[in-house]
N, C-alpha and C. Protein backbone atom coordinates (compact mmCIF):
# COMPACT_ATOMS: atom_id res chain seq x y z
N MET A 1 14.45 144.40 65.36
CA MET A 1 13.43 144.54 66.46
C MET A 1 12.09 144.83 65.13
N LYS A 2 10.97 144.42 65.06
CA LYS A 2 9.97 144.83 63.64
C LYS A 2 8.57 145.58 64.04
N ILE A 3 8.68 146.97 63.78
CA ILE A 3 7.51 147.17 64.76
C ILE A 3 6.66 147.83 63.55
N LEU A 4 5.57 147.86 64.00
CA LEU A 4 4.25 148.06 62.84
C LEU A 4 3.25 148.96 63.87
N ILE A 5 3.07 150.19 62.92
CA ILE A 5 2.50 151.21 63.27
C ILE A 5 0.72 150.69 62.37
N ALA A 6 0.10 151.02 63.16
CA ALA A 6 -1.62 150.72 62.95
C ALA A 6 -2.49 152.26 62.79
N ASP A 7 -2.99 153.11 62.11
CA ASP A 7 -3.68 154.11 61.89
C ASP A 7 -4.08 154.63 60.66
N ASP A 8 -5.33 155.12 60.48
CA ASP A 8 -6.29 155.13 59.42
C ASP A 8 -5.24 156.77 59.28
N HIS A 9 -4.66 157.63 59.82
CA HIS A 9 -3.82 158.93 59.23
C HIS A 9 -3.39 158.76 58.95
N ALA A 10 -2.18 159.08 57.94
CA ALA A 10 -0.69 159.34 57.39
C ALA A 10 -0.16 160.25 58.65
N PHE A 11 -0.42 161.60 58.81
CA PHE A 11 -0.16 162.34 59.71
C PHE A 11 0.47 161.97 60.87
N VAL A 12 -0.07 160.91 61.33
CA VAL A 12 0.12 159.93 63.09
C VAL A 12 0.51 158.99 62.17
N ARG A 13 0.85 157.91 61.84
CA ARG A 13 2.16 157.70 61.13
C ARG A 13 3.02 157.96 61.51
N LYS A 14 3.59 159.14 60.78
CA LYS A 14 4.67 160.04 60.83
C LYS A 14 5.27 159.83 62.36
N GLY A 15 4.14 160.86 62.16
CA GLY A 15 4.70 160.40 63.91
C GLY A 15 5.08 160.04 64.95
N ILE A 16 4.47 158.86 64.98
CA ILE A 16 4.48 158.09 66.00
C ILE A 16 5.95 157.11 65.37
N ARG A 17 6.29 157.00 63.83
CA ARG A 17 7.28 157.08 62.93
C ARG A 17 8.71 157.58 63.64
N GLN A 18 8.53 158.39 63.44
CA GLN A 18 9.75 160.01 64.41
C GLN A 18 9.89 159.17 65.79
N ILE A 19 9.03 159.24 66.80
CA ILE A 19 9.23 158.87 67.68
C ILE A 19 10.13 157.71 67.95
N ILE A 20 10.03 156.48 67.40
CA ILE A 20 10.22 155.81 66.98
C ILE A 20 11.27 155.39 66.91
N THR A 21 11.70 156.40 65.42
CA THR A 21 13.20 156.12 65.28
C THR A 21 13.89 156.22 65.98
N GLU A 22 14.07 157.88 66.75
CA GLU A 22 14.65 158.28 67.74
C GLU A 22 15.36 157.85 68.75
N GLU A 23 14.44 156.61 68.69
CA GLU A 23 15.32 156.05 70.34
C GLU A 23 14.77 154.65 69.81
N PHE A 24 14.70 154.14 68.80
CA PHE A 24 15.42 152.71 68.45
C PHE A 24 15.57 152.15 66.88
N SER A 25 16.68 152.77 67.10
CA SER A 25 17.43 153.25 65.70
C SER A 25 17.53 151.79 64.80
N ASP A 26 17.86 150.72 65.66
CA ASP A 26 17.55 149.80 64.91
C ASP A 26 16.60 149.09 64.70
N ALA A 27 14.92 149.49 64.62
CA ALA A 27 14.29 149.24 64.74
C ALA A 27 13.56 149.62 62.70
N THR A 28 12.71 148.40 62.84
CA THR A 28 12.26 148.20 60.95
C THR A 28 10.40 148.12 61.32
N ILE A 29 10.68 149.31 60.35
CA ILE A 29 8.99 149.84 60.89
C ILE A 29 8.63 149.86 59.78
N SER A 30 7.14 148.97 59.58
CA SER A 30 6.10 148.69 58.71
C SER A 30 4.89 149.73 59.19
N GLU A 31 3.71 149.61 58.07
CA GLU A 31 2.15 150.70 58.47
C GLU A 31 1.30 149.56 58.20
N ALA A 32 0.29 150.13 58.64
CA ALA A 32 -0.95 149.56 58.07
C ALA A 32 -1.41 150.81 58.03
N CYS A 33 -2.66 150.52 57.35
CA CYS A 33 -3.65 151.96 56.83
C CYS A 33 -4.89 151.75 57.55
N ASP A 34 -5.57 150.32 58.04
CA ASP A 34 -6.43 150.11 58.15
C ASP A 34 -6.61 148.70 59.24
N SER A 35 -7.87 148.06 59.47
CA SER A 35 -7.52 146.58 60.37
C SER A 35 -7.73 146.01 59.49
N THR A 36 -7.79 145.36 57.91
CA THR A 36 -7.88 144.14 56.64
C THR A 36 -6.15 144.65 57.12
N GLU A 37 -5.54 145.39 57.03
CA GLU A 37 -3.77 145.21 56.43
C GLU A 37 -3.28 145.08 57.85
N LEU A 38 -4.00 145.47 58.43
CA LEU A 38 -3.16 144.99 60.14
C LEU A 38 -2.88 143.77 60.14
N LEU A 39 -4.29 142.93 60.18
CA LEU A 39 -4.29 141.63 60.71
C LEU A 39 -3.54 140.58 59.78
N GLN A 40 -3.50 141.43 57.94
CA GLN A 40 -3.11 140.64 56.98
C GLN A 40 -1.08 140.31 57.48
N MET A 41 -0.48 141.87 57.58
CA MET A 41 0.53 141.77 58.29
C MET A 41 1.10 140.82 59.52
N VAL A 42 0.25 141.08 60.34
CA VAL A 42 0.80 140.39 61.69
C VAL A 42 0.74 138.74 61.18
N ARG A 43 -0.21 137.90 60.21
CA ARG A 43 -0.10 136.75 60.64
C ARG A 43 0.89 136.62 59.92
N SER A 44 1.20 137.01 58.85
CA SER A 44 1.82 136.66 57.28
C SER A 44 3.55 136.85 58.49
N GLU A 45 3.72 137.59 59.55
CA GLU A 45 4.90 138.71 60.13
C GLU A 45 4.76 138.57 61.10
N GLN A 46 6.85 138.48 61.97
CA GLN A 46 6.89 138.59 63.07
C GLN A 46 6.99 139.60 63.48
N PHE A 47 6.07 141.00 64.29
CA PHE A 47 6.17 142.06 64.88
C PHE A 47 6.58 141.64 66.28
N SER A 48 7.93 142.62 66.63
CA SER A 48 8.12 142.71 68.34
C SER A 48 6.99 143.49 69.32
N VAL A 49 6.54 144.03 68.69
CA VAL A 49 4.86 145.43 69.11
C VAL A 49 4.45 145.84 67.88
N VAL A 50 3.35 145.74 68.12
CA VAL A 50 2.41 146.50 66.98
C VAL A 50 1.49 147.85 68.15
N ILE A 51 1.75 148.96 67.34
CA ILE A 51 1.36 149.94 67.41
C ILE A 51 -0.45 150.74 67.52
N SER A 52 -1.46 150.46 68.05
CA SER A 52 -2.31 150.53 66.46
C SER A 52 -3.41 151.86 67.52
N ASP A 53 -3.68 151.76 66.47
CA ASP A 53 -5.26 153.28 66.74
C ASP A 53 -6.42 152.26 67.30
N LEU A 54 -7.32 152.51 68.09
CA LEU A 54 -8.61 152.22 68.17
C LEU A 54 -9.49 152.08 67.64
N SER A 55 -9.42 153.30 66.73
CA SER A 55 -10.67 153.18 65.75
C SER A 55 -10.48 153.65 64.41
N MET A 56 -10.09 152.33 63.29
CA MET A 56 -9.88 152.55 62.33
C MET A 56 -10.73 151.39 61.21
N PRO A 57 -11.04 151.78 59.86
CA PRO A 57 -11.96 151.54 58.83
C PRO A 57 -11.58 150.22 59.19
N GLY A 58 -12.93 149.57 59.18
CA GLY A 58 -13.22 148.22 59.22
C GLY A 58 -12.76 147.93 60.83
N LYS A 59 -12.62 146.75 61.16
CA LYS A 59 -12.94 146.31 63.09
C LYS A 59 -11.99 147.27 63.23
N ASN A 60 -12.21 147.51 64.87
CA ASN A 60 -11.84 148.65 65.94
C ASN A 60 -10.45 147.37 66.47
N ALA A 61 -10.18 148.25 67.44
CA ALA A 61 -8.74 147.16 68.13
C ALA A 61 -9.32 146.46 68.95
N LEU A 62 -10.52 146.65 69.69
CA LEU A 62 -10.58 145.69 70.62
C LEU A 62 -11.47 144.40 69.72
N GLU A 63 -12.20 144.20 68.29
CA GLU A 63 -12.28 142.92 67.68
C GLU A 63 -11.04 142.71 67.17
N ILE A 64 -9.56 143.67 66.87
CA ILE A 64 -8.49 142.90 66.51
C ILE A 64 -8.02 141.86 67.16
N LEU A 65 -8.23 142.73 68.45
CA LEU A 65 -7.15 142.22 69.96
C LEU A 65 -8.02 140.26 70.37
N LYS A 66 -9.41 140.33 70.10
CA LYS A 66 -9.92 139.31 70.37
C LYS A 66 -10.07 138.61 69.15
N ASP A 67 -9.40 138.74 67.78
CA ASP A 67 -9.33 137.99 66.61
C ASP A 67 -7.77 137.43 66.64
N LEU A 68 -6.67 138.17 67.20
CA LEU A 68 -5.66 137.45 67.32
C LEU A 68 -5.09 136.62 68.53
N LYS A 69 -6.25 136.75 69.48
CA LYS A 69 -6.41 135.88 70.83
C LYS A 69 -6.76 134.29 70.06
N ALA A 70 -7.78 135.04 69.44
CA ALA A 70 -7.83 133.50 68.98
C ALA A 70 -7.44 133.03 67.94
N GLU A 71 -7.00 133.16 67.23
CA GLU A 71 -5.51 132.48 66.14
C GLU A 71 -5.28 132.38 67.09
N GLU A 72 -4.35 132.55 68.14
CA GLU A 72 -3.16 132.32 69.34
C GLU A 72 -1.74 133.17 68.54
N ILE A 73 -2.34 134.19 68.32
CA ILE A 73 -1.14 134.94 67.95
C ILE A 73 -0.58 135.89 68.86
N LYS A 74 0.45 135.85 69.28
CA LYS A 74 0.74 136.23 70.51
C LYS A 74 1.80 137.54 70.55
N THR A 75 1.69 138.45 69.42
CA THR A 75 2.38 139.70 68.91
C THR A 75 1.95 141.15 70.19
N PRO A 76 2.50 141.25 71.27
CA PRO A 76 1.83 142.25 71.66
C PRO A 76 1.29 143.41 71.22
N VAL A 77 0.01 143.89 71.49
CA VAL A 77 -0.57 145.81 70.87
C VAL A 77 -0.63 146.26 71.82
N ILE A 78 -0.56 148.03 71.32
CA ILE A 78 -0.06 148.90 71.87
C ILE A 78 -1.20 149.37 71.34
N ILE A 79 -2.17 150.26 72.34
CA ILE A 79 -3.51 150.78 71.64
C ILE A 79 -3.30 152.34 72.11
N LEU A 80 -3.10 153.06 70.63
CA LEU A 80 -3.17 154.46 70.65
C LEU A 80 -4.50 155.09 70.88
N SER A 81 -5.05 155.90 71.65
CA SER A 81 -6.21 156.36 70.88
C SER A 81 -6.70 157.74 71.53
N MET A 82 -7.84 158.65 70.76
CA MET A 82 -8.27 159.91 71.33
C MET A 82 -9.00 159.78 72.87
N HIS A 83 -9.20 158.62 72.79
CA HIS A 83 -10.59 158.88 73.98
C HIS A 83 -9.54 158.28 75.57
N PRO A 84 -10.70 159.03 76.28
CA PRO A 84 -9.50 159.42 77.48
C PRO A 84 -9.28 157.47 78.00
N GLU A 85 -8.45 157.44 79.19
CA GLU A 85 -8.50 155.47 79.73
C GLU A 85 -9.45 155.08 80.17
N ASP A 86 -10.05 155.88 80.83
CA ASP A 86 -11.83 155.53 81.78
C ASP A 86 -12.26 155.24 81.18
N GLN A 87 -11.94 155.18 79.82
CA GLN A 87 -13.58 154.72 78.50
C GLN A 87 -13.30 153.43 77.76
N TYR A 88 -11.77 153.01 78.08
CA TYR A 88 -11.15 152.22 77.06
C TYR A 88 -9.76 151.42 77.77
N ALA A 89 -9.10 151.91 78.54
CA ALA A 89 -8.72 151.21 78.85
C ALA A 89 -8.68 149.67 79.57
N LEU A 90 -9.36 149.46 80.57
CA LEU A 90 -10.18 148.14 80.80
C LEU A 90 -10.15 147.34 79.75
N ARG A 91 -11.50 147.52 78.95
CA ARG A 91 -11.58 147.45 78.12
C ARG A 91 -10.46 146.49 77.17
N VAL A 92 -9.38 147.22 76.65
CA VAL A 92 -8.14 146.98 75.76
C VAL A 92 -7.70 145.68 76.94
N LEU A 93 -7.34 146.40 77.71
CA LEU A 93 -6.31 145.03 78.71
C LEU A 93 -7.14 143.74 78.78
N LYS A 94 -8.55 143.78 79.25
CA LYS A 94 -9.01 142.52 79.06
C LYS A 94 -9.25 142.02 77.92
N ALA A 95 -9.54 142.49 76.81
CA ALA A 95 -8.92 141.88 75.17
C ALA A 95 -7.72 141.17 75.05
N GLY A 96 -6.88 141.69 76.01
CA GLY A 96 -5.67 140.89 75.48
C GLY A 96 -4.73 141.94 75.37
N GLY A 97 -4.53 143.38 75.27
CA GLY A 97 -3.55 144.84 75.18
C GLY A 97 -2.97 144.56 75.51
N SER A 98 -1.73 144.87 75.04
CA SER A 98 -0.16 145.22 76.29
C SER A 98 -0.30 146.74 76.76
N GLY A 99 -0.94 147.52 75.74
CA GLY A 99 -0.87 148.74 77.08
C GLY A 99 -1.74 149.87 76.01
N TYR A 100 -2.08 150.52 76.78
CA TYR A 100 -3.02 151.80 76.52
C TYR A 100 -2.66 152.94 76.75
N LEU A 101 -2.98 153.95 75.76
CA LEU A 101 -2.11 155.48 75.76
C LEU A 101 -2.99 156.29 75.28
N THR A 102 -3.38 157.33 75.33
CA THR A 102 -4.16 158.62 74.57
C THR A 102 -3.05 159.11 73.96
N LYS A 103 -3.76 159.01 73.09
CA LYS A 103 -2.98 160.26 72.17
C LYS A 103 -2.24 161.24 72.43
N GLU A 104 -2.67 162.04 73.46
CA GLU A 104 -2.16 163.45 74.48
C GLU A 104 -1.08 163.04 74.86
N SER A 105 -0.81 161.10 75.06
CA SER A 105 0.50 161.79 75.48
C SER A 105 1.79 161.95 75.65
N ALA A 106 2.84 162.09 76.36
CA ALA A 106 4.17 162.92 75.75
C ALA A 106 5.17 160.99 75.15
N PRO A 107 5.37 161.84 74.17
CA PRO A 107 6.52 161.23 73.84
C PRO A 107 7.24 160.01 74.72
N GLU A 108 7.70 160.60 75.17
CA GLU A 108 8.80 159.45 76.61
C GLU A 108 7.44 158.61 76.97
N GLU A 109 6.49 158.65 76.91
CA GLU A 109 5.49 157.82 77.47
C GLU A 109 5.01 156.65 76.22
N LEU A 110 5.05 157.41 75.47
CA LEU A 110 4.76 155.92 74.84
C LEU A 110 6.19 155.04 74.08
N VAL A 111 7.38 155.73 74.58
CA VAL A 111 9.03 155.20 74.67
C VAL A 111 9.08 154.38 75.25
N LYS A 112 8.71 154.30 76.47
CA LYS A 112 7.98 153.94 78.26
C LYS A 112 7.72 152.48 78.10
N ALA A 113 6.45 152.87 77.17
CA ALA A 113 5.22 151.61 77.54
C ALA A 113 6.15 150.92 75.85
N ILE A 114 6.73 150.86 74.92
CA ILE A 114 7.42 149.99 74.17
C ILE A 114 8.67 149.41 74.72
N ARG A 115 8.96 149.98 75.66
CA ARG A 115 10.11 148.86 76.40
C ARG A 115 9.71 148.14 77.80
N MET A 116 8.76 148.31 78.05
CA MET A 116 8.56 147.79 78.64
C MET A 116 7.45 146.51 78.76
N VAL A 117 7.20 146.93 77.12
CA VAL A 117 6.76 145.73 76.54
C VAL A 117 7.19 144.63 76.21
N LEU A 118 8.64 145.38 75.27
CA LEU A 118 9.22 144.83 74.47
C LEU A 118 9.75 143.46 75.47
N SER A 119 10.07 143.72 76.85
CA SER A 119 10.63 143.06 77.88
C SER A 119 9.72 142.31 78.42
N GLY A 120 7.86 142.05 77.46
CA GLY A 120 7.57 141.00 78.34
C GLY A 120 6.29 141.19 79.36
N LYS A 121 6.56 143.21 79.65
CA LYS A 121 5.50 143.20 80.35
C LYS A 121 4.64 144.06 79.65
N ARG A 122 2.94 144.45 80.85
CA ARG A 122 2.22 145.33 80.19
C ARG A 122 2.45 146.28 81.15
N TYR A 123 1.74 147.56 79.69
CA TYR A 123 2.36 149.14 80.19
C TYR A 123 0.89 149.49 80.65
N ILE A 124 0.88 150.40 81.79
CA ILE A 124 -0.49 150.74 82.12
C ILE A 124 0.33 152.01 82.71
N SER A 125 -0.61 153.50 83.35
CA SER A 125 -0.31 154.15 83.75
C SER A 125 -1.18 154.63 84.43
N ALA A 126 -0.62 155.19 85.73
CA ALA A 126 -0.93 156.18 87.09
C ALA A 126 -2.74 155.16 87.31
N ALA A 127 -3.50 156.05 86.22
CA ALA A 127 -4.61 156.38 85.91
C ALA A 127 -5.39 155.16 86.01
N VAL A 128 -4.65 153.95 85.00
CA VAL A 128 -5.30 152.68 84.69
C VAL A 128 -5.12 151.95 86.10
N ALA A 129 -4.05 152.06 86.52
CA ALA A 129 -3.79 151.46 87.69
C ALA A 129 -4.72 151.71 89.02
N GLU A 130 -5.23 152.53 88.70
CA GLU A 130 -6.31 153.34 89.85
C GLU A 130 -7.06 152.47 89.30
N GLN A 131 -8.00 153.09 88.58
CA GLN A 131 -9.17 152.30 87.56
C GLN A 131 -9.11 150.62 87.76
N LEU A 132 -7.79 150.29 87.98
CA LEU A 132 -8.12 149.04 88.19
C LEU A 132 -7.75 148.33 89.60
N LEU A 133 -7.70 148.99 90.83
CA LEU A 133 -7.64 148.72 91.82
C LEU A 133 -8.85 149.17 92.73
N ILE A 134 -9.90 149.69 91.87
CA ILE A 134 -11.34 150.70 91.99
C ILE A 134 -12.27 149.24 91.22
N HIS A 135 -11.62 148.54 90.08
CA HIS A 135 -12.51 147.38 89.06
C HIS A 135 -13.27 146.32 90.41
N ILE A 136 -11.36 145.62 90.66
CA ILE A 136 -10.91 145.02 91.80
C ILE A 136 -11.22 144.74 93.16
N ASP A 137 -11.70 146.24 93.36
CA ASP A 137 -12.37 146.65 95.35
C ASP A 137 -14.15 145.50 94.64
N ASP A 138 -15.05 144.23 95.14
CA ASP A 138 -15.86 143.89 95.55
C ASP A 138 -16.96 145.12 95.94
N ASN A 139 -16.63 146.13 97.03
CA ASN A 139 -17.40 146.82 97.02
C ASN A 139 -17.34 147.93 96.73
N SER A 140 -16.66 148.17 95.47
CA SER A 140 -16.99 149.30 94.40
C SER A 140 -18.33 149.82 93.40
N GLU A 141 -18.68 150.71 93.25
CA GLU A 141 -19.90 150.58 92.62
C GLU A 141 -19.57 151.15 91.11
N VAL A 142 -20.26 149.20 90.54
CA VAL A 142 -19.41 149.72 88.64
C VAL A 142 -20.60 150.57 88.39
N ALA A 143 -19.81 151.89 87.07
CA ALA A 143 -20.78 152.28 86.53
C ALA A 143 -21.79 151.80 85.33
N LEU A 144 -22.95 152.00 85.23
CA LEU A 144 -23.90 151.38 84.00
C LEU A 144 -22.76 151.00 82.80
N HIS A 145 -22.30 152.47 82.25
CA HIS A 145 -21.64 151.93 81.50
C HIS A 145 -20.57 150.55 81.45
N GLN A 146 -20.15 150.60 81.92
CA GLN A 146 -19.21 149.59 82.36
C GLN A 146 -19.97 148.12 82.52
N LYS A 147 -20.91 147.65 82.35
CA LYS A 147 -22.31 146.73 82.49
C LYS A 147 -22.18 145.96 80.30
N LEU A 148 -22.05 146.92 79.56
CA LEU A 148 -21.78 146.75 78.58
C LEU A 148 -20.29 145.96 77.85
N SER A 149 -21.40 145.26 77.19
CA SER A 149 -20.09 144.92 75.79
C SER A 149 -19.28 145.31 75.05
N ASP A 150 -17.90 145.53 74.91
CA ASP A 150 -17.45 146.00 73.95
C ASP A 150 -18.11 146.66 72.69
N ARG A 151 -19.04 145.47 72.52
CA ARG A 151 -19.92 146.25 70.97
C ARG A 151 -21.09 147.12 71.24
N GLU A 152 -21.93 146.81 72.63
CA GLU A 152 -22.33 147.63 73.13
C GLU A 152 -22.02 148.77 73.64
N PHE A 153 -20.82 149.42 73.90
CA PHE A 153 -20.63 150.55 74.16
C PHE A 153 -20.02 151.45 73.18
N THR A 154 -19.95 150.59 72.15
CA THR A 154 -19.41 151.26 71.14
C THR A 154 -20.98 152.32 70.23
N VAL A 155 -22.22 150.40 70.15
CA VAL A 155 -23.47 150.87 69.68
C VAL A 155 -23.43 152.54 70.70
N PHE A 156 -23.28 152.38 72.25
CA PHE A 156 -24.38 153.34 73.66
C PHE A 156 -23.60 154.28 72.45
N LYS A 157 -22.30 154.72 72.48
CA LYS A 157 -21.34 156.05 72.34
C LYS A 157 -22.22 156.50 70.83
N LEU A 158 -22.59 155.74 69.97
CA LEU A 158 -22.93 156.33 68.82
C LEU A 158 -24.24 156.91 69.29
N ILE A 159 -25.42 156.43 70.29
CA ILE A 159 -26.73 156.97 70.17
C ILE A 159 -26.26 158.00 70.85
N ALA A 160 -25.84 158.17 72.30
CA ALA A 160 -25.53 159.62 72.19
C ALA A 160 -25.41 160.42 71.89
N THR A 161 -24.29 160.37 70.64
CA THR A 161 -23.75 161.59 69.99
C THR A 161 -24.89 161.88 68.84
N GLY A 162 -26.38 161.16 69.13
CA GLY A 162 -27.11 161.22 68.32
C GLY A 162 -27.37 160.68 67.01
N LYS A 163 -26.80 159.47 67.03
CA LYS A 163 -26.83 158.78 65.64
C LYS A 163 -28.07 157.95 65.41
N THR A 164 -28.44 157.83 64.10
CA THR A 164 -29.44 156.88 64.43
C THR A 164 -29.28 155.15 64.21
N VAL A 165 -30.30 154.45 64.77
CA VAL A 165 -30.00 153.21 64.21
C VAL A 165 -29.70 152.86 62.45
N SER A 166 -30.03 153.43 62.17
CA SER A 166 -30.54 153.43 60.37
C SER A 166 -28.44 153.92 60.01
N GLN A 167 -28.14 155.17 60.84
CA GLN A 167 -27.14 155.33 60.49
C GLN A 167 -25.62 154.54 61.37
N ILE A 168 -25.81 153.69 62.15
CA ILE A 168 -24.99 152.87 63.34
C ILE A 168 -25.21 151.81 62.22
N ALA A 169 -25.79 151.65 61.91
CA ALA A 169 -25.65 150.04 61.59
C ALA A 169 -25.05 150.26 60.01
N ASP A 170 -24.96 151.10 58.74
CA ASP A 170 -23.84 151.47 57.84
C ASP A 170 -22.70 152.17 58.73
N MET A 171 -22.17 152.97 59.69
CA MET A 171 -21.48 152.84 60.53
C MET A 171 -20.20 151.47 60.60
N LEU A 172 -21.66 151.00 61.02
CA LEU A 172 -20.84 149.30 61.91
C LEU A 172 -20.61 147.87 60.63
N PHE A 173 -21.12 148.60 60.11
CA PHE A 173 -21.67 147.53 58.74
C PHE A 173 -22.73 146.09 59.23
N LEU A 174 -23.58 146.57 59.81
CA LEU A 174 -24.68 145.21 60.47
C LEU A 174 -26.34 146.01 59.68
N SER A 175 -26.50 145.07 60.26
CA SER A 175 -27.92 145.28 59.96
C SER A 175 -28.63 145.91 61.21
N VAL A 176 -29.47 146.55 60.61
CA VAL A 176 -30.88 147.28 61.87
C VAL A 176 -31.42 147.11 62.84
N PRO A 177 -31.82 145.43 62.34
CA PRO A 177 -32.28 144.92 63.37
C PRO A 177 -31.24 144.53 64.16
N THR A 178 -29.83 143.94 64.20
CA THR A 178 -28.64 143.93 64.81
C THR A 178 -28.59 144.86 66.08
N ILE A 179 -28.48 146.34 65.15
CA ILE A 179 -28.69 147.53 66.08
C ILE A 179 -29.38 147.68 66.89
N SER A 180 -31.31 147.04 66.37
CA SER A 180 -32.44 147.67 67.20
C SER A 180 -31.56 146.71 68.23
N THR A 181 -31.41 145.51 68.10
CA THR A 181 -31.55 144.39 69.90
C THR A 181 -30.69 144.47 70.54
N TYR A 182 -29.05 145.03 69.90
CA TYR A 182 -27.85 145.80 70.99
C TYR A 182 -28.22 147.60 71.76
N ARG A 183 -29.52 148.38 71.02
CA ARG A 183 -30.26 149.13 71.75
C ARG A 183 -31.13 148.57 73.10
N THR A 184 -31.85 147.37 72.69
CA THR A 184 -32.55 146.87 73.67
C THR A 184 -32.00 146.57 74.54
N ARG A 185 -31.12 146.18 74.32
CA ARG A 185 -29.56 145.06 75.90
C ARG A 185 -29.66 146.46 76.08
N ILE A 186 -28.56 147.98 75.84
CA ILE A 186 -28.38 148.91 76.27
C ILE A 186 -29.23 149.35 77.06
N LEU A 187 -30.55 149.36 76.67
CA LEU A 187 -30.87 149.82 77.94
C LEU A 187 -31.71 149.28 79.18
N GLU A 188 -31.93 147.83 78.97
CA GLU A 188 -31.85 146.72 79.61
C GLU A 188 -30.94 146.75 81.02
N LYS A 189 -30.12 146.56 80.39
CA LYS A 189 -28.57 146.51 81.49
C LYS A 189 -28.22 147.79 81.98
N THR A 190 -28.88 149.49 81.38
CA THR A 190 -28.15 150.37 82.33
C THR A 190 -29.61 150.71 82.51
N GLY A 191 -30.70 150.61 82.41
CA GLY A 191 -31.68 151.22 83.32
C GLY A 191 -32.47 152.65 82.38
N LEU A 192 -32.01 153.14 81.57
CA LEU A 192 -32.26 154.31 80.59
C LEU A 192 -32.94 153.96 79.81
N ARG A 193 -33.70 154.92 79.54
CA ARG A 193 -35.59 154.48 78.85
C ARG A 193 -35.38 155.04 77.35
N THR A 194 -34.64 156.19 77.23
CA THR A 194 -34.63 156.91 75.71
C THR A 194 -33.03 157.10 75.70
N ASN A 195 -33.64 157.72 74.12
CA ASN A 195 -31.88 157.78 73.59
C ASN A 195 -31.91 159.47 74.03
N ALA A 196 -32.94 160.19 74.86
CA ALA A 196 -32.31 161.33 75.38
C ALA A 196 -31.28 160.88 76.48
N GLU A 197 -31.89 160.55 77.11
CA GLU A 197 -30.91 159.26 78.91
C GLU A 197 -30.06 159.66 78.22
N ILE A 198 -29.65 158.32 77.41
CA ILE A 198 -28.32 157.85 76.71
C ILE A 198 -27.39 158.93 76.52
N THR A 199 -27.71 160.00 76.02
CA THR A 199 -27.22 161.20 75.86
C THR A 199 -26.92 162.26 76.77
N ARG A 200 -28.22 162.11 78.06
CA ARG A 200 -27.92 162.63 78.79
C ARG A 200 -27.09 162.16 80.29
N TYR A 201 -26.75 160.58 80.19
CA TYR A 201 -25.65 159.84 80.89
C TYR A 201 -24.04 159.96 80.44
N ALA A 202 -24.08 160.08 79.01
CA ALA A 202 -23.16 159.84 78.15
C ALA A 202 -22.08 161.02 78.89
N ILE A 203 -23.27 162.83 78.49
CA ILE A 203 -22.26 164.05 78.47
C ILE A 203 -22.09 163.90 80.26
N LEU A 204 -22.45 163.60 80.94
CA LEU A 204 -22.59 163.22 82.72
C LEU A 204 -20.97 162.75 83.32
N HIS A 205 -21.00 162.24 83.07
CA HIS A 205 -19.85 160.98 82.47
C HIS A 205 -18.84 161.19 81.81
N GLN A 206 -18.73 162.67 80.72
CA GLN A 206 -17.36 162.56 79.53
C GLN A 206 -17.84 161.28 78.67
N LEU A 207 -18.28 160.65 78.62
CA LEU A 207 -18.08 159.63 77.42
C LEU A 207 -18.34 160.11 75.76
N VAL A 208 -19.23 161.38 75.51
CA VAL A 208 -18.78 162.41 74.27
C VAL A 208 -18.34 163.61 74.62
């Protein structure tokens, strides 16, 4: 069994490695420190499962999942994130992820997720299962931020934290006009009018 751990923080990789080693003594564990390294390794080696941080230098996990799907690479990927499940779990599953856990989850939950994914299933927590039920209920009201694409949501959160268009462009390696276009789409889709309203909405919904 081969497992790839991808995170830009060495101490996080070390902690995950320790959990895996204790439960899966026969596992061969490799590590990647950014999205470029992750993609290179998955393209060249066959892993039983990948455990990846949501946000790393380069592409985020949602973009990585879409790349793997486009290249028809079937390696299952479990996403570990500091963000609450209600912000990204459904987006990860829609993008092709096999599971989503917060970094506050107990070690036993990660082990459970790995075992389930290795058996060919997807792992979701009770909280995510509840979100799925709400999502498929046609009569349920969709939150404004759920209308945004993955990239729009990323820009939305950065605007909410006070980042300027230029700063966001630098962070995402995109042009200023491109970020301005995303901002325009965000305002159109949500009905919000200013950056201040975006910030208030994000705080109210615990997105920042």
